[in-house]
Amino acid sequence: MAAVARLFVRRYLDGHPLVHDAEVVVSEFFSNAIRYSRSPNGGIVRVCVIKMERSIRIEVTDSGGGVTVPREKRPSPGDEHGRGLGIVRTMATAWGHEGLGDVYVTSWAQLDDPGARLRLLPEIGPGWCPSPSAPARDLPLTAVGPLSPGDLLRGLPSRER
């Protein structure tokens, strides 16, 4: 069943930079909904994906009746289960749950493209310094878009790298 949820996400988000992360998150939430709620016994599981240019919101709603509050576990090395919400935590910008435990529980996650948060400024003229400790000099900043670590270091004297 989680495979169907992954396929839905893969097809809906085809070409989106966060499609693979979204597949993992929906798989973890969907598996938990089946394992810990009454959804597999005549209930339902609903998957909602909201696609934005640089982010995705995933919601998985189950029929409640099981574990009312999803909790991240600390599994021992030999445990076969218990890592899902830890995986979601590391992949998502934010995540949580809401609902009425006996009626429904919605687990949600917000995935943001990390490159969307760091952008070069448009050209701002001579004398701009990339850090307070660097001497003032002209830097032509005309690119706008995601930055790599190399982009941040370019233009700094080698002793500051």
N, C-alpha and C. Protein backbone atom coordinates (compact mmCIF):
# COMPACT_ATOMS: atom_id res chain seq x y z
N MET A 1 0.80 -1.20 0.00
CA MET A 1 0.00 0.00 0.00
C MET A 1 0.85 1.27 0.00
N ALA A 2 1.94 1.29 0.77
CA ALA A 2 2.80 2.47 0.76
C ALA A 2 3.40 2.68 -0.63
N ALA A 3 3.57 1.59 -1.38
CA ALA A 3 4.09 1.71 -2.75
C ALA A 3 3.14 2.51 -3.63
N VAL A 4 1.85 2.36 -3.41
CA VAL A 4 0.86 3.13 -4.18
C VAL A 4 0.97 4.61 -3.84
N ALA A 5 1.16 4.93 -2.56
CA ALA A 5 1.32 6.33 -2.15
C ALA A 5 2.59 6.91 -2.76
N ARG A 6 3.68 6.15 -2.76
CA ARG A 6 4.93 6.63 -3.38
C ARG A 6 4.74 6.88 -4.87
N LEU A 7 4.06 5.97 -5.55
CA LEU A 7 3.82 6.12 -6.99
C LEU A 7 2.98 7.37 -7.27
N PHE A 8 1.96 7.60 -6.46
CA PHE A 8 1.14 8.81 -6.60
C PHE A 8 2.01 10.05 -6.50
N VAL A 9 2.86 10.10 -5.47
CA VAL A 9 3.73 11.26 -5.26
C VAL A 9 4.72 11.39 -6.41
N ARG A 10 5.32 10.30 -6.82
CA ARG A 10 6.30 10.32 -7.91
C ARG A 10 5.68 10.88 -9.19
N ARG A 11 4.49 10.44 -9.51
CA ARG A 11 3.84 10.92 -10.74
C ARG A 11 3.37 12.36 -10.62
N TYR A 12 2.82 12.71 -9.48
CA TYR A 12 2.32 14.07 -9.29
C TYR A 12 3.46 15.09 -9.27
N LEU A 13 4.58 14.74 -8.68
CA LEU A 13 5.70 15.67 -8.52
C LEU A 13 6.79 15.45 -9.57
N ASP A 14 6.50 14.74 -10.62
CA ASP A 14 7.49 14.43 -11.65
C ASP A 14 8.26 15.69 -12.06
N GLY A 15 9.58 15.65 -11.93
CA GLY A 15 10.43 16.77 -12.30
C GLY A 15 10.68 17.77 -11.18
N HIS A 16 9.95 17.70 -10.09
CA HIS A 16 10.16 18.62 -8.96
C HIS A 16 11.45 18.23 -8.25
N PRO A 17 12.27 19.20 -7.83
CA PRO A 17 13.55 18.86 -7.18
C PRO A 17 13.41 18.08 -5.87
N LEU A 18 12.25 18.09 -5.26
CA LEU A 18 12.07 17.41 -3.97
C LEU A 18 11.28 16.11 -4.08
N VAL A 19 11.09 15.60 -5.30
CA VAL A 19 10.24 14.42 -5.49
C VAL A 19 10.73 13.22 -4.69
N HIS A 20 12.02 12.97 -4.65
CA HIS A 20 12.52 11.78 -3.95
C HIS A 20 12.35 11.90 -2.43
N ASP A 21 12.62 13.08 -1.89
CA ASP A 21 12.39 13.29 -0.46
C ASP A 21 10.91 13.12 -0.12
N ALA A 22 10.05 13.63 -0.98
CA ALA A 22 8.60 13.52 -0.76
C ALA A 22 8.16 12.06 -0.77
N GLU A 23 8.75 11.26 -1.64
CA GLU A 23 8.41 9.83 -1.68
C GLU A 23 8.74 9.15 -0.35
N VAL A 24 9.90 9.47 0.20
CA VAL A 24 10.31 8.87 1.47
C VAL A 24 9.35 9.29 2.59
N VAL A 25 9.05 10.58 2.65
CA VAL A 25 8.18 11.08 3.72
C VAL A 25 6.79 10.47 3.63
N VAL A 26 6.20 10.44 2.43
CA VAL A 26 4.85 9.87 2.30
C VAL A 26 4.86 8.39 2.64
N SER A 27 5.93 7.69 2.30
CA SER A 27 6.03 6.27 2.62
C SER A 27 6.06 6.05 4.14
N GLU A 28 6.83 6.87 4.85
CA GLU A 28 6.91 6.74 6.31
C GLU A 28 5.57 7.05 6.96
N PHE A 29 4.95 8.17 6.56
CA PHE A 29 3.65 8.53 7.14
C PHE A 29 2.58 7.49 6.82
N PHE A 30 2.55 7.03 5.57
CA PHE A 30 1.53 6.06 5.16
C PHE A 30 1.71 4.74 5.91
N SER A 31 2.94 4.28 6.02
CA SER A 31 3.21 3.03 6.75
C SER A 31 2.77 3.15 8.20
N ASN A 32 3.04 4.30 8.83
CA ASN A 32 2.60 4.50 10.21
C ASN A 32 1.08 4.53 10.32
N ALA A 33 0.42 5.14 9.35
CA ALA A 33 -1.05 5.19 9.37
C ALA A 33 -1.64 3.79 9.32
N ILE A 34 -1.06 2.93 8.51
CA ILE A 34 -1.54 1.55 8.41
C ILE A 34 -1.21 0.77 9.68
N ARG A 35 -0.01 0.97 10.20
CA ARG A 35 0.44 0.19 11.35
C ARG A 35 -0.23 0.60 12.66
N TYR A 36 -0.47 1.90 12.85
CA TYR A 36 -0.87 2.38 14.17
C TYR A 36 -2.30 2.93 14.27
N SER A 37 -3.09 2.85 13.22
CA SER A 37 -4.47 3.35 13.31
C SER A 37 -5.44 2.23 12.95
N ARG A 38 -6.71 2.55 12.97
CA ARG A 38 -7.69 1.54 12.56
C ARG A 38 -7.94 1.59 11.05
N SER A 39 -7.15 2.35 10.31
CA SER A 39 -7.34 2.48 8.86
C SER A 39 -7.33 1.16 8.10
N PRO A 40 -6.47 0.19 8.44
CA PRO A 40 -6.50 -1.05 7.65
C PRO A 40 -7.75 -1.89 7.89
N ASN A 41 -8.51 -1.61 8.93
CA ASN A 41 -9.71 -2.39 9.26
C ASN A 41 -10.97 -1.62 8.90
N GLY A 42 -11.14 -1.31 7.63
CA GLY A 42 -12.34 -0.61 7.17
C GLY A 42 -12.23 0.90 7.20
N GLY A 43 -11.13 1.44 7.65
CA GLY A 43 -10.93 2.88 7.65
C GLY A 43 -10.30 3.33 6.35
N ILE A 44 -9.89 4.58 6.32
CA ILE A 44 -9.27 5.11 5.11
C ILE A 44 -7.95 5.78 5.47
N VAL A 45 -7.11 5.95 4.45
CA VAL A 45 -5.91 6.77 4.55
C VAL A 45 -5.96 7.72 3.36
N ARG A 46 -5.84 9.01 3.63
CA ARG A 46 -5.89 10.01 2.57
C ARG A 46 -4.52 10.67 2.46
N VAL A 47 -4.03 10.79 1.23
CA VAL A 47 -2.74 11.44 0.96
C VAL A 47 -3.02 12.74 0.23
N CYS A 48 -2.47 13.83 0.73
CA CYS A 48 -2.61 15.14 0.10
C CYS A 48 -1.21 15.70 -0.13
N VAL A 49 -0.96 16.15 -1.34
CA VAL A 49 0.34 16.75 -1.68
C VAL A 49 0.08 18.14 -2.25
N ILE A 50 0.69 19.13 -1.65
CA ILE A 50 0.57 20.51 -2.13
C ILE A 50 1.92 20.90 -2.71
N LYS A 51 1.91 21.21 -3.99
CA LYS A 51 3.16 21.48 -4.71
C LYS A 51 3.31 22.98 -4.92
N MET A 52 4.48 23.50 -4.50
CA MET A 52 4.84 24.88 -4.75
C MET A 52 6.16 24.86 -5.51
N GLU A 53 6.60 26.00 -6.00
CA GLU A 53 7.81 26.03 -6.82
C GLU A 53 9.02 25.48 -6.08
N ARG A 54 9.22 25.89 -4.85
CA ARG A 54 10.42 25.51 -4.09
C ARG A 54 10.12 24.72 -2.83
N SER A 55 8.89 24.28 -2.66
CA SER A 55 8.57 23.49 -1.47
C SER A 55 7.37 22.59 -1.73
N ILE A 56 7.18 21.66 -0.82
CA ILE A 56 6.10 20.69 -0.90
C ILE A 56 5.55 20.51 0.51
N ARG A 57 4.25 20.38 0.60
CA ARG A 57 3.62 19.99 1.87
C ARG A 57 2.93 18.66 1.63
N ILE A 58 3.21 17.72 2.52
CA ILE A 58 2.62 16.38 2.44
C ILE A 58 1.75 16.18 3.67
N GLU A 59 0.54 15.68 3.45
CA GLU A 59 -0.35 15.35 4.56
C GLU A 59 -0.87 13.94 4.36
N VAL A 60 -0.81 13.14 5.40
CA VAL A 60 -1.38 11.79 5.38
C VAL A 60 -2.35 11.71 6.56
N THR A 61 -3.61 11.49 6.24
CA THR A 61 -4.66 11.44 7.26
C THR A 61 -5.18 10.02 7.38
N ASP A 62 -5.22 9.51 8.61
CA ASP A 62 -5.75 8.16 8.84
C ASP A 62 -7.04 8.23 9.63
N SER A 63 -7.63 7.08 9.88
CA SER A 63 -8.93 7.01 10.55
C SER A 63 -8.84 7.00 12.07
N GLY A 64 -7.67 7.31 12.61
CA GLY A 64 -7.52 7.40 14.06
C GLY A 64 -7.73 6.06 14.75
N GLY A 65 -7.98 6.14 16.05
CA GLY A 65 -8.30 4.95 16.82
C GLY A 65 -7.11 4.16 17.32
N GLY A 66 -5.93 4.53 16.93
CA GLY A 66 -4.75 3.81 17.39
C GLY A 66 -3.92 4.71 18.28
N VAL A 67 -2.65 4.78 17.99
CA VAL A 67 -1.76 5.69 18.70
C VAL A 67 -2.23 7.09 18.33
N THR A 68 -2.64 7.88 19.31
CA THR A 68 -3.26 9.16 19.00
C THR A 68 -2.25 10.25 18.68
N VAL A 69 -1.04 10.13 19.15
CA VAL A 69 -0.03 11.15 18.88
C VAL A 69 1.21 10.46 18.32
N PRO A 70 1.55 10.74 17.06
CA PRO A 70 2.79 10.15 16.52
C PRO A 70 3.99 10.63 17.34
N ARG A 71 4.83 9.70 17.73
CA ARG A 71 6.01 10.04 18.53
C ARG A 71 7.25 9.43 17.90
N GLU A 72 8.30 10.24 17.87
CA GLU A 72 9.58 9.74 17.38
C GLU A 72 10.18 8.82 18.44
N LYS A 73 10.65 7.66 18.01
CA LYS A 73 11.25 6.69 18.93
C LYS A 73 12.77 6.75 18.84
N ARG A 74 13.41 6.13 19.78
CA ARG A 74 14.86 5.96 19.76
C ARG A 74 15.13 4.46 19.72
N PRO A 75 15.10 3.88 18.52
CA PRO A 75 15.25 2.42 18.43
C PRO A 75 16.68 1.99 18.73
N SER A 76 16.81 0.78 19.25
CA SER A 76 18.14 0.20 19.43
C SER A 76 18.61 -0.31 18.07
N PRO A 77 19.91 -0.56 17.92
CA PRO A 77 20.44 -0.98 16.62
C PRO A 77 19.76 -2.22 16.03
N GLY A 78 19.26 -3.12 16.85
CA GLY A 78 18.65 -4.33 16.34
C GLY A 78 17.16 -4.21 16.01
N ASP A 79 16.55 -3.09 16.38
CA ASP A 79 15.11 -2.92 16.12
C ASP A 79 14.84 -2.79 14.62
N GLU A 80 13.76 -3.43 14.17
CA GLU A 80 13.38 -3.36 12.76
C GLU A 80 12.48 -2.16 12.47
N HIS A 81 11.86 -1.57 13.47
CA HIS A 81 10.95 -0.45 13.28
C HIS A 81 11.35 0.69 14.19
N GLY A 82 10.72 1.85 13.98
CA GLY A 82 10.93 2.97 14.89
C GLY A 82 11.81 4.08 14.37
N ARG A 83 12.24 4.02 13.12
CA ARG A 83 13.12 5.04 12.58
C ARG A 83 12.40 6.05 11.69
N GLY A 84 11.16 5.78 11.33
CA GLY A 84 10.45 6.57 10.33
C GLY A 84 10.34 8.04 10.63
N LEU A 85 9.88 8.40 11.82
CA LEU A 85 9.72 9.81 12.14
C LEU A 85 11.06 10.51 12.31
N GLY A 86 12.09 9.79 12.69
CA GLY A 86 13.44 10.36 12.72
C GLY A 86 13.92 10.69 11.32
N ILE A 87 13.60 9.83 10.37
CA ILE A 87 13.93 10.10 8.97
C ILE A 87 13.17 11.33 8.49
N VAL A 88 11.88 11.40 8.80
CA VAL A 88 11.08 12.56 8.41
C VAL A 88 11.67 13.83 9.02
N ARG A 89 12.05 13.79 10.30
CA ARG A 89 12.62 14.96 10.96
C ARG A 89 13.86 15.48 10.25
N THR A 90 14.72 14.57 9.78
CA THR A 90 15.94 15.01 9.12
C THR A 90 15.69 15.54 7.72
N MET A 91 14.63 15.10 7.07
CA MET A 91 14.36 15.52 5.70
C MET A 91 13.47 16.76 5.62
N ALA A 92 12.62 16.97 6.60
CA ALA A 92 11.61 18.04 6.52
C ALA A 92 12.11 19.32 7.17
N THR A 93 11.64 20.44 6.64
CA THR A 93 11.89 21.73 7.26
C THR A 93 11.09 21.84 8.54
N ALA A 94 9.87 21.32 8.50
CA ALA A 94 8.98 21.27 9.67
C ALA A 94 8.05 20.08 9.50
N TRP A 95 7.59 19.53 10.61
CA TRP A 95 6.64 18.42 10.54
C TRP A 95 5.86 18.37 11.83
N GLY A 96 4.74 17.69 11.80
CA GLY A 96 3.94 17.56 13.00
C GLY A 96 2.69 16.74 12.72
N HIS A 97 1.72 16.91 13.60
CA HIS A 97 0.47 16.16 13.46
C HIS A 97 -0.66 17.00 14.06
N GLU A 98 -1.86 16.69 13.64
CA GLU A 98 -3.04 17.37 14.16
C GLU A 98 -4.23 16.43 14.02
N GLY A 99 -5.29 16.73 14.71
CA GLY A 99 -6.49 15.92 14.56
C GLY A 99 -7.11 15.53 15.88
N LEU A 100 -8.13 14.72 15.79
CA LEU A 100 -8.82 14.15 16.94
C LEU A 100 -8.49 12.68 16.95
N GLY A 101 -7.67 12.24 17.88
CA GLY A 101 -7.12 10.89 17.88
C GLY A 101 -8.09 9.76 17.62
N ASP A 102 -9.31 9.85 18.14
CA ASP A 102 -10.28 8.77 17.91
C ASP A 102 -10.97 8.89 16.57
N VAL A 103 -10.91 10.06 15.93
CA VAL A 103 -11.61 10.28 14.68
C VAL A 103 -10.65 10.29 13.49
N TYR A 104 -9.59 11.06 13.61
CA TYR A 104 -8.58 11.11 12.55
C TYR A 104 -7.28 11.69 13.11
N VAL A 105 -6.19 11.39 12.45
CA VAL A 105 -4.89 12.00 12.73
C VAL A 105 -4.26 12.34 11.39
N THR A 106 -3.82 13.58 11.25
CA THR A 106 -3.10 14.00 10.05
C THR A 106 -1.65 14.26 10.42
N SER A 107 -0.75 13.53 9.79
CA SER A 107 0.68 13.80 9.91
C SER A 107 1.06 14.65 8.71
N TRP A 108 1.84 15.69 8.93
CA TRP A 108 2.20 16.59 7.84
C TRP A 108 3.68 16.90 7.88
N ALA A 109 4.22 17.24 6.73
CA ALA A 109 5.62 17.65 6.63
C ALA A 109 5.75 18.71 5.56
N GLN A 110 6.61 19.68 5.82
CA GLN A 110 6.95 20.72 4.85
C GLN A 110 8.37 20.45 4.40
N LEU A 111 8.56 20.29 3.10
CA LEU A 111 9.88 20.08 2.52
C LEU A 111 10.23 21.31 1.71
N ASP A 112 11.33 21.96 2.05
CA ASP A 112 11.79 23.14 1.32
C ASP A 112 13.09 22.83 0.62
N ASP A 113 13.23 23.34 -0.59
CA ASP A 113 14.48 23.21 -1.34
C ASP A 113 15.53 24.04 -0.61
N PRO A 114 16.60 23.42 -0.07
CA PRO A 114 17.58 24.19 0.71
C PRO A 114 18.24 25.28 -0.11
N GLY A 115 18.41 25.10 -1.39
CA GLY A 115 19.01 26.12 -2.24
C GLY A 115 18.14 27.34 -2.40
N ALA A 116 16.85 27.22 -2.14
CA ALA A 116 15.94 28.35 -2.29
C ALA A 116 16.11 29.35 -1.16
N ARG A 117 16.70 28.94 -0.05
CA ARG A 117 16.85 29.83 1.10
C ARG A 117 18.08 30.73 0.98
N LEU A 118 19.08 30.30 0.24
CA LEU A 118 20.29 31.10 0.08
C LEU A 118 20.32 31.65 -1.34
N ARG A 119 20.40 32.93 -1.47
CA ARG A 119 20.45 33.53 -2.80
C ARG A 119 21.51 34.64 -2.80
N LEU A 120 22.15 34.78 -3.93
CA LEU A 120 23.03 35.92 -4.12
C LEU A 120 22.16 37.16 -4.29
N LEU A 121 22.61 38.26 -3.76
CA LEU A 121 21.88 39.50 -3.94
C LEU A 121 22.12 40.03 -5.34
N PRO A 122 21.20 40.79 -5.88
CA PRO A 122 21.47 41.45 -7.15
C PRO A 122 22.66 42.38 -6.97
N GLU A 123 23.26 42.80 -8.05
CA GLU A 123 24.45 43.65 -7.98
C GLU A 123 24.16 44.87 -7.11
N ILE A 124 25.03 45.10 -6.13
CA ILE A 124 24.79 46.21 -5.21
C ILE A 124 25.91 47.25 -5.24
N GLY A 125 26.86 47.10 -6.14
CA GLY A 125 27.85 48.14 -6.34
C GLY A 125 29.16 47.92 -5.62
N PRO A 126 30.12 48.81 -5.86
CA PRO A 126 31.46 48.68 -5.28
C PRO A 126 31.45 48.82 -3.76
N GLY A 127 32.43 48.17 -3.14
CA GLY A 127 32.63 48.31 -1.72
C GLY A 127 31.90 47.29 -0.87
N TRP A 128 31.13 46.42 -1.48
CA TRP A 128 30.41 45.41 -0.71
C TRP A 128 31.38 44.34 -0.25
N CYS A 129 31.26 43.88 1.00
CA CYS A 129 32.13 42.84 1.54
C CYS A 129 31.31 41.59 1.83
N PRO A 130 31.82 40.41 1.46
CA PRO A 130 31.08 39.18 1.75
C PRO A 130 31.08 38.82 3.22
N SER A 131 32.00 39.36 4.01
CA SER A 131 31.98 39.14 5.46
C SER A 131 32.65 40.34 6.12
N PRO A 132 32.33 40.61 7.37
CA PRO A 132 32.92 41.78 8.03
C PRO A 132 34.44 41.74 8.10
N SER A 133 35.04 40.55 8.10
CA SER A 133 36.49 40.48 8.23
C SER A 133 37.22 40.62 6.89
N ALA A 134 36.50 40.58 5.78
CA ALA A 134 37.15 40.67 4.47
C ALA A 134 37.30 42.14 4.08
N PRO A 135 38.39 42.49 3.42
CA PRO A 135 38.58 43.88 2.99
C PRO A 135 37.55 44.24 1.92
N ALA A 136 37.18 45.52 1.89
CA ALA A 136 36.22 45.98 0.88
C ALA A 136 36.84 45.88 -0.51
N ARG A 137 36.06 45.44 -1.46
CA ARG A 137 36.50 45.36 -2.86
C ARG A 137 35.27 45.21 -3.73
N ASP A 138 35.45 45.46 -4.99
CA ASP A 138 34.35 45.31 -5.93
C ASP A 138 34.09 43.84 -6.19
N LEU A 139 32.86 43.42 -6.07
CA LEU A 139 32.45 42.06 -6.40
C LEU A 139 31.24 42.13 -7.32
N PRO A 140 31.38 41.67 -8.53
CA PRO A 140 30.21 41.68 -9.42
C PRO A 140 29.24 40.57 -9.03
N LEU A 141 28.15 40.92 -8.43
CA LEU A 141 27.14 39.94 -8.03
C LEU A 141 25.93 40.13 -8.92
N THR A 142 25.82 39.29 -9.91
CA THR A 142 24.71 39.42 -10.84
C THR A 142 23.85 38.17 -10.87
N ALA A 143 24.34 37.07 -10.28
CA ALA A 143 23.58 35.81 -10.31
C ALA A 143 22.52 35.81 -9.23
N VAL A 144 21.39 35.26 -9.54
CA VAL A 144 20.34 35.03 -8.56
C VAL A 144 19.93 33.58 -8.68
N GLY A 145 19.95 32.85 -7.59
CA GLY A 145 19.60 31.44 -7.63
C GLY A 145 20.25 30.71 -6.49
N PRO A 146 20.13 29.39 -6.47
CA PRO A 146 20.73 28.59 -5.39
C PRO A 146 22.24 28.74 -5.35
N LEU A 147 22.80 28.71 -4.16
CA LEU A 147 24.25 28.82 -3.96
C LEU A 147 24.83 27.48 -3.56
N SER A 148 26.05 27.26 -3.99
CA SER A 148 26.81 26.12 -3.50
C SER A 148 27.81 26.67 -2.48
N PRO A 149 28.43 25.79 -1.66
CA PRO A 149 29.45 26.29 -0.74
C PRO A 149 30.58 27.02 -1.47
N GLY A 150 30.94 26.54 -2.66
CA GLY A 150 31.98 27.21 -3.44
C GLY A 150 31.60 28.62 -3.83
N ASP A 151 30.32 28.85 -4.13
CA ASP A 151 29.85 30.19 -4.46
C ASP A 151 30.05 31.14 -3.29
N LEU A 152 29.85 30.63 -2.07
CA LEU A 152 30.00 31.48 -0.89
C LEU A 152 31.45 31.85 -0.64
N LEU A 153 32.37 30.96 -1.01
CA LEU A 153 33.79 31.20 -0.75
C LEU A 153 34.47 31.96 -1.88
N ARG A 154 33.91 31.96 -3.06
CA ARG A 154 34.52 32.63 -4.20
C ARG A 154 34.68 34.10 -3.88
N GLY A 155 35.83 34.66 -4.14
CA GLY A 155 36.09 36.06 -3.90
C GLY A 155 36.73 36.34 -2.55
N LEU A 156 36.74 35.36 -1.65
CA LEU A 156 37.42 35.56 -0.37
C LEU A 156 38.89 35.24 -0.51
N PRO A 157 39.75 35.97 0.18
CA PRO A 157 41.17 35.61 0.18
C PRO A 157 41.34 34.18 0.68
N SER A 158 42.36 33.48 0.20
CA SER A 158 42.54 32.06 0.53
C SER A 158 42.68 31.83 2.03
N ARG A 159 43.22 32.77 2.78
CA ARG A 159 43.37 32.57 4.23
C ARG A 159 42.02 32.54 4.95
N GLU A 160 40.95 33.04 4.33
CA GLU A 160 39.63 33.04 4.96
C GLU A 160 38.80 31.83 4.58
N ARG A 161 39.28 30.99 3.68
CA ARG A 161 38.49 29.84 3.21
C ARG A 161 38.56 28.70 4.17
